[in-house]
Amino acid sequence: RKHKPITMQEPVYVDQAPSHTKGGEVMLMVSPEFLFADDRVLIVDDFLATGRTIDALGRIVQNSGATLVGIAAVVEKTFEGGRAALTHWGVPIMAAAVITDMTEGKIVVH
């Protein structure tokens, strides 16, 4: 979001990440009423490409004092390097479908 919704109470956990679909940066916000220091968090996203959005969400989890326990994506594009960029979290990374190549109108799924 460009701005915090008026319904979201202060303070909020905030980080930013580049957006492939919108272009530019997107602000990621989580209200502390939904994220507690004793929570164990699994981040689930639709796509794992560069990993930058999931990395920003990981920082939000870390800043809240909660524990990141895993990362999951519906689709992973291995050729964009996101998995390697997220290994520093030291948690399992899973994907339902893994795309290893997208060239000449063909998608290769592993």
N, C-alpha and C. Protein backbone atom coordinates (compact mmCIF):
# COMPACT_ATOMS: atom_id res chain seq x y z
N ARG A 1 0.84 -1.19 0.00
CA ARG A 1 0.00 0.00 0.00
C ARG A 1 0.87 1.24 0.00
N LYS A 2 0.36 2.28 -0.54
CA LYS A 2 1.08 3.55 -0.49
C LYS A 2 0.91 4.22 0.87
N HIS A 3 -0.25 3.99 1.50
CA HIS A 3 -0.53 4.60 2.79
C HIS A 3 -1.15 3.57 3.72
N LYS A 4 -0.99 3.79 5.00
CA LYS A 4 -1.58 2.91 5.99
C LYS A 4 -3.09 3.12 6.01
N PRO A 5 -3.88 2.03 5.99
CA PRO A 5 -5.33 2.18 6.08
C PRO A 5 -5.72 2.83 7.40
N ILE A 6 -6.78 3.62 7.39
CA ILE A 6 -7.19 4.31 8.62
C ILE A 6 -7.65 3.33 9.69
N THR A 7 -8.03 2.13 9.29
CA THR A 7 -8.48 1.13 10.26
C THR A 7 -7.32 0.43 10.97
N MET A 8 -6.10 0.61 10.48
CA MET A 8 -4.93 -0.04 11.08
C MET A 8 -4.37 0.85 12.18
N GLN A 9 -4.31 0.28 13.38
CA GLN A 9 -3.84 1.03 14.54
C GLN A 9 -2.33 1.22 14.49
N GLU A 10 -1.86 2.30 15.09
CA GLU A 10 -0.42 2.55 15.26
C GLU A 10 0.07 1.76 16.45
N PRO A 11 1.31 1.43 16.56
CA PRO A 11 2.28 1.40 15.47
C PRO A 11 2.08 0.13 14.64
N VAL A 12 2.68 0.10 13.49
CA VAL A 12 2.59 -1.09 12.63
C VAL A 12 4.01 -1.54 12.27
N TYR A 13 4.13 -2.82 11.95
CA TYR A 13 5.39 -3.33 11.42
C TYR A 13 5.38 -3.04 9.92
N VAL A 14 6.43 -2.40 9.43
CA VAL A 14 6.47 -1.97 8.03
C VAL A 14 7.80 -2.36 7.41
N ASP A 15 7.73 -2.78 6.15
CA ASP A 15 8.93 -2.98 5.34
C ASP A 15 8.51 -2.77 3.89
N GLN A 16 9.44 -2.72 3.00
CA GLN A 16 9.09 -2.53 1.60
C GLN A 16 9.84 -3.52 0.73
N ALA A 17 9.24 -3.77 -0.45
CA ALA A 17 9.83 -4.71 -1.40
C ALA A 17 9.45 -4.26 -2.80
N PRO A 18 10.28 -4.60 -3.79
CA PRO A 18 9.93 -4.27 -5.17
C PRO A 18 8.73 -5.10 -5.63
N SER A 19 7.89 -4.51 -6.47
CA SER A 19 6.72 -5.21 -6.99
C SER A 19 6.87 -5.44 -8.48
N HIS A 20 6.87 -6.72 -8.89
CA HIS A 20 6.92 -7.04 -10.33
C HIS A 20 5.65 -6.59 -11.03
N THR A 21 4.51 -6.78 -10.38
CA THR A 21 3.22 -6.51 -11.03
C THR A 21 2.85 -5.04 -11.04
N LYS A 22 3.23 -4.31 -10.00
CA LYS A 22 2.86 -2.89 -9.91
C LYS A 22 3.99 -1.97 -10.34
N GLY A 23 5.19 -2.48 -10.39
CA GLY A 23 6.34 -1.62 -10.68
C GLY A 23 6.66 -0.79 -9.44
N GLY A 24 7.89 -0.47 -9.24
CA GLY A 24 8.27 0.32 -8.08
C GLY A 24 8.27 -0.50 -6.80
N GLU A 25 8.14 0.20 -5.69
CA GLU A 25 8.17 -0.44 -4.37
C GLU A 25 6.76 -0.56 -3.82
N VAL A 26 6.53 -1.59 -3.04
CA VAL A 26 5.26 -1.77 -2.35
C VAL A 26 5.55 -1.82 -0.85
N MET A 27 4.69 -1.15 -0.07
CA MET A 27 4.83 -1.17 1.38
C MET A 27 4.08 -2.37 1.94
N LEU A 28 4.75 -3.12 2.79
CA LEU A 28 4.13 -4.25 3.47
C LEU A 28 3.90 -3.85 4.92
N MET A 29 2.67 -4.00 5.39
CA MET A 29 2.33 -3.58 6.75
C MET A 29 1.58 -4.69 7.46
N VAL A 30 1.96 -4.91 8.72
CA VAL A 30 1.26 -5.87 9.56
C VAL A 30 0.98 -5.19 10.89
N SER A 31 -0.26 -5.24 11.31
CA SER A 31 -0.64 -4.67 12.59
C SER A 31 -0.18 -5.57 13.73
N PRO A 32 0.36 -5.00 14.80
CA PRO A 32 0.80 -5.80 15.94
C PRO A 32 -0.33 -6.60 16.59
N GLU A 33 -1.57 -6.25 16.31
CA GLU A 33 -2.68 -7.02 16.88
C GLU A 33 -2.78 -8.41 16.25
N PHE A 34 -2.06 -8.63 15.12
CA PHE A 34 -2.09 -9.92 14.44
C PHE A 34 -0.76 -10.68 14.49
N LEU A 35 0.26 -10.09 15.10
CA LEU A 35 1.58 -10.71 15.12
C LEU A 35 2.22 -10.49 16.49
N PHE A 36 2.41 -11.60 17.23
CA PHE A 36 2.91 -11.51 18.60
C PHE A 36 4.29 -12.16 18.71
N ALA A 37 5.04 -11.73 19.72
CA ALA A 37 6.40 -12.23 19.91
C ALA A 37 6.47 -13.74 20.10
N ASP A 38 5.41 -14.35 20.63
CA ASP A 38 5.45 -15.80 20.84
C ASP A 38 4.87 -16.60 19.67
N ASP A 39 4.55 -15.93 18.57
CA ASP A 39 4.02 -16.61 17.38
C ASP A 39 5.11 -17.36 16.63
N ARG A 40 4.71 -18.45 16.00
CA ARG A 40 5.56 -19.21 15.07
C ARG A 40 4.92 -19.01 13.70
N VAL A 41 5.66 -18.44 12.76
CA VAL A 41 5.08 -17.97 11.50
C VAL A 41 5.58 -18.76 10.30
N LEU A 42 4.64 -19.19 9.48
CA LEU A 42 4.92 -19.76 8.16
C LEU A 42 4.49 -18.72 7.14
N ILE A 43 5.43 -18.21 6.35
CA ILE A 43 5.09 -17.26 5.28
C ILE A 43 4.67 -18.05 4.06
N VAL A 44 3.49 -17.74 3.53
CA VAL A 44 2.98 -18.40 2.32
C VAL A 44 2.70 -17.31 1.29
N ASP A 45 3.28 -17.46 0.09
CA ASP A 45 3.08 -16.49 -0.99
C ASP A 45 2.69 -17.25 -2.26
N ASP A 46 2.10 -16.53 -3.20
CA ASP A 46 1.72 -17.20 -4.44
C ASP A 46 2.93 -17.54 -5.29
N PHE A 47 3.89 -16.62 -5.41
CA PHE A 47 5.09 -16.85 -6.22
C PHE A 47 6.35 -16.63 -5.40
N LEU A 48 7.35 -17.45 -5.64
CA LEU A 48 8.70 -17.24 -5.15
C LEU A 48 9.56 -17.03 -6.39
N ALA A 49 9.97 -15.79 -6.61
CA ALA A 49 10.80 -15.46 -7.77
C ALA A 49 12.16 -14.97 -7.25
N THR A 50 12.29 -13.67 -7.03
CA THR A 50 13.55 -13.13 -6.51
C THR A 50 13.68 -13.30 -5.01
N GLY A 51 12.55 -13.48 -4.33
CA GLY A 51 12.56 -13.65 -2.88
C GLY A 51 12.51 -12.36 -2.09
N ARG A 52 12.49 -11.22 -2.76
CA ARG A 52 12.58 -9.95 -2.03
C ARG A 52 11.33 -9.64 -1.21
N THR A 53 10.15 -9.99 -1.72
CA THR A 53 8.93 -9.75 -0.94
C THR A 53 8.90 -10.65 0.29
N ILE A 54 9.23 -11.91 0.11
CA ILE A 54 9.25 -12.84 1.24
C ILE A 54 10.33 -12.43 2.24
N ASP A 55 11.46 -11.95 1.76
CA ASP A 55 12.53 -11.49 2.66
C ASP A 55 12.03 -10.32 3.51
N ALA A 56 11.30 -9.38 2.88
CA ALA A 56 10.74 -8.25 3.63
C ALA A 56 9.75 -8.73 4.68
N LEU A 57 8.93 -9.71 4.33
CA LEU A 57 7.99 -10.28 5.31
C LEU A 57 8.76 -10.97 6.45
N GLY A 58 9.86 -11.62 6.12
CA GLY A 58 10.70 -12.22 7.15
C GLY A 58 11.24 -11.19 8.12
N ARG A 59 11.63 -10.03 7.60
CA ARG A 59 12.12 -8.96 8.47
C ARG A 59 11.00 -8.45 9.39
N ILE A 60 9.77 -8.38 8.86
CA ILE A 60 8.64 -7.98 9.70
C ILE A 60 8.44 -8.98 10.83
N VAL A 61 8.49 -10.27 10.50
CA VAL A 61 8.36 -11.31 11.52
C VAL A 61 9.47 -11.15 12.56
N GLN A 62 10.69 -10.97 12.10
CA GLN A 62 11.84 -10.82 12.99
C GLN A 62 11.68 -9.60 13.90
N ASN A 63 11.26 -8.47 13.33
CA ASN A 63 11.10 -7.24 14.10
C ASN A 63 10.00 -7.35 15.15
N SER A 64 9.04 -8.22 14.92
CA SER A 64 7.96 -8.41 15.90
C SER A 64 8.40 -9.28 17.07
N GLY A 65 9.53 -9.97 16.91
CA GLY A 65 9.99 -10.90 17.92
C GLY A 65 9.45 -12.30 17.73
N ALA A 66 8.58 -12.49 16.73
CA ALA A 66 8.04 -13.81 16.42
C ALA A 66 9.13 -14.67 15.78
N THR A 67 8.84 -15.95 15.62
CA THR A 67 9.80 -16.90 15.05
C THR A 67 9.33 -17.36 13.67
N LEU A 68 10.16 -17.15 12.67
CA LEU A 68 9.87 -17.65 11.33
C LEU A 68 10.22 -19.14 11.31
N VAL A 69 9.24 -19.99 10.94
CA VAL A 69 9.47 -21.44 10.95
C VAL A 69 9.49 -22.06 9.56
N GLY A 70 9.09 -21.30 8.54
CA GLY A 70 9.10 -21.85 7.19
C GLY A 70 8.61 -20.86 6.17
N ILE A 71 8.92 -21.17 4.91
CA ILE A 71 8.50 -20.36 3.77
C ILE A 71 7.89 -21.30 2.75
N ALA A 72 6.73 -20.93 2.22
CA ALA A 72 6.06 -21.75 1.22
C ALA A 72 5.55 -20.87 0.09
N ALA A 73 5.57 -21.42 -1.11
CA ALA A 73 5.03 -20.72 -2.28
C ALA A 73 4.23 -21.72 -3.10
N VAL A 74 3.22 -21.22 -3.77
CA VAL A 74 2.47 -22.07 -4.68
C VAL A 74 3.34 -22.40 -5.88
N VAL A 75 4.00 -21.37 -6.46
CA VAL A 75 4.85 -21.54 -7.64
C VAL A 75 6.22 -20.92 -7.37
N GLU A 76 7.27 -21.66 -7.65
CA GLU A 76 8.62 -21.14 -7.56
C GLU A 76 9.24 -21.07 -8.95
N LYS A 77 9.84 -19.92 -9.27
CA LYS A 77 10.60 -19.75 -10.51
C LYS A 77 12.08 -19.85 -10.13
N THR A 78 12.66 -21.03 -10.27
CA THR A 78 14.02 -21.26 -9.79
C THR A 78 15.06 -20.38 -10.49
N PHE A 79 14.80 -20.03 -11.73
CA PHE A 79 15.77 -19.25 -12.51
C PHE A 79 15.89 -17.80 -12.05
N GLU A 80 15.05 -17.36 -11.08
CA GLU A 80 15.16 -15.99 -10.56
C GLU A 80 15.92 -15.93 -9.24
N GLY A 81 16.32 -17.08 -8.70
CA GLY A 81 17.23 -17.12 -7.56
C GLY A 81 16.65 -16.83 -6.19
N GLY A 82 15.34 -16.83 -6.05
CA GLY A 82 14.73 -16.50 -4.77
C GLY A 82 15.06 -17.44 -3.63
N ARG A 83 15.08 -18.73 -3.92
CA ARG A 83 15.38 -19.71 -2.86
C ARG A 83 16.76 -19.43 -2.26
N ALA A 84 17.75 -19.22 -3.12
CA ALA A 84 19.11 -18.94 -2.63
C ALA A 84 19.15 -17.65 -1.81
N ALA A 85 18.35 -16.66 -2.21
CA ALA A 85 18.33 -15.39 -1.49
C ALA A 85 17.68 -15.50 -0.12
N LEU A 86 16.94 -16.58 0.12
CA LEU A 86 16.22 -16.73 1.39
C LEU A 86 16.85 -17.75 2.33
N THR A 87 17.91 -18.41 1.92
CA THR A 87 18.50 -19.46 2.76
C THR A 87 19.05 -18.90 4.08
N HIS A 88 19.36 -17.62 4.12
CA HIS A 88 19.90 -17.03 5.35
C HIS A 88 18.90 -17.11 6.51
N TRP A 89 17.62 -17.34 6.23
CA TRP A 89 16.62 -17.47 7.30
C TRP A 89 16.75 -18.81 8.02
N GLY A 90 17.38 -19.79 7.38
CA GLY A 90 17.60 -21.08 8.03
C GLY A 90 16.34 -21.87 8.31
N VAL A 91 15.33 -21.71 7.46
CA VAL A 91 14.06 -22.42 7.63
C VAL A 91 13.76 -23.22 6.36
N PRO A 92 12.89 -24.23 6.45
CA PRO A 92 12.51 -24.97 5.24
C PRO A 92 11.82 -24.05 4.24
N ILE A 93 12.12 -24.26 2.95
CA ILE A 93 11.48 -23.52 1.86
C ILE A 93 10.83 -24.55 0.95
N MET A 94 9.51 -24.41 0.76
CA MET A 94 8.76 -25.39 -0.02
C MET A 94 7.97 -24.70 -1.12
N ALA A 95 7.73 -25.42 -2.22
CA ALA A 95 6.90 -24.91 -3.31
C ALA A 95 6.06 -26.06 -3.86
N ALA A 96 4.81 -25.76 -4.20
CA ALA A 96 3.92 -26.78 -4.76
C ALA A 96 4.31 -27.12 -6.20
N ALA A 97 4.67 -26.10 -6.97
CA ALA A 97 5.10 -26.30 -8.37
C ALA A 97 6.39 -25.53 -8.58
N VAL A 98 7.34 -26.15 -9.26
CA VAL A 98 8.64 -25.52 -9.49
C VAL A 98 8.85 -25.37 -10.99
N ILE A 99 8.97 -24.11 -11.43
CA ILE A 99 9.24 -23.81 -12.84
C ILE A 99 10.74 -23.59 -12.98
N THR A 100 11.36 -24.40 -13.84
CA THR A 100 12.81 -24.30 -14.01
C THR A 100 13.21 -23.49 -15.24
N ASP A 101 12.26 -23.27 -16.16
CA ASP A 101 12.58 -22.51 -17.37
C ASP A 101 11.31 -21.97 -18.01
N MET A 102 11.41 -20.77 -18.54
CA MET A 102 10.33 -20.15 -19.31
C MET A 102 10.96 -19.44 -20.51
N THR A 103 11.10 -20.16 -21.61
CA THR A 103 11.68 -19.57 -22.81
C THR A 103 10.89 -20.01 -24.03
N GLU A 104 10.88 -19.16 -25.02
CA GLU A 104 10.24 -19.45 -26.31
C GLU A 104 8.81 -19.94 -26.15
N GLY A 105 8.08 -19.34 -25.20
CA GLY A 105 6.68 -19.70 -25.00
C GLY A 105 6.46 -21.03 -24.31
N LYS A 106 7.51 -21.63 -23.78
CA LYS A 106 7.39 -22.92 -23.11
C LYS A 106 7.72 -22.78 -21.63
N ILE A 107 6.96 -23.48 -20.82
CA ILE A 107 7.20 -23.51 -19.38
C ILE A 107 7.63 -24.92 -19.01
N VAL A 108 8.78 -25.02 -18.35
CA VAL A 108 9.27 -26.31 -17.90
C VAL A 108 9.03 -26.41 -16.39
N VAL A 109 8.21 -27.40 -16.00
CA VAL A 109 7.88 -27.60 -14.59
C VAL A 109 8.59 -28.84 -14.09
N HIS A 110 9.22 -28.71 -12.94
CA HIS A 110 9.95 -29.83 -12.34
C HIS A 110 9.08 -30.49 -11.29
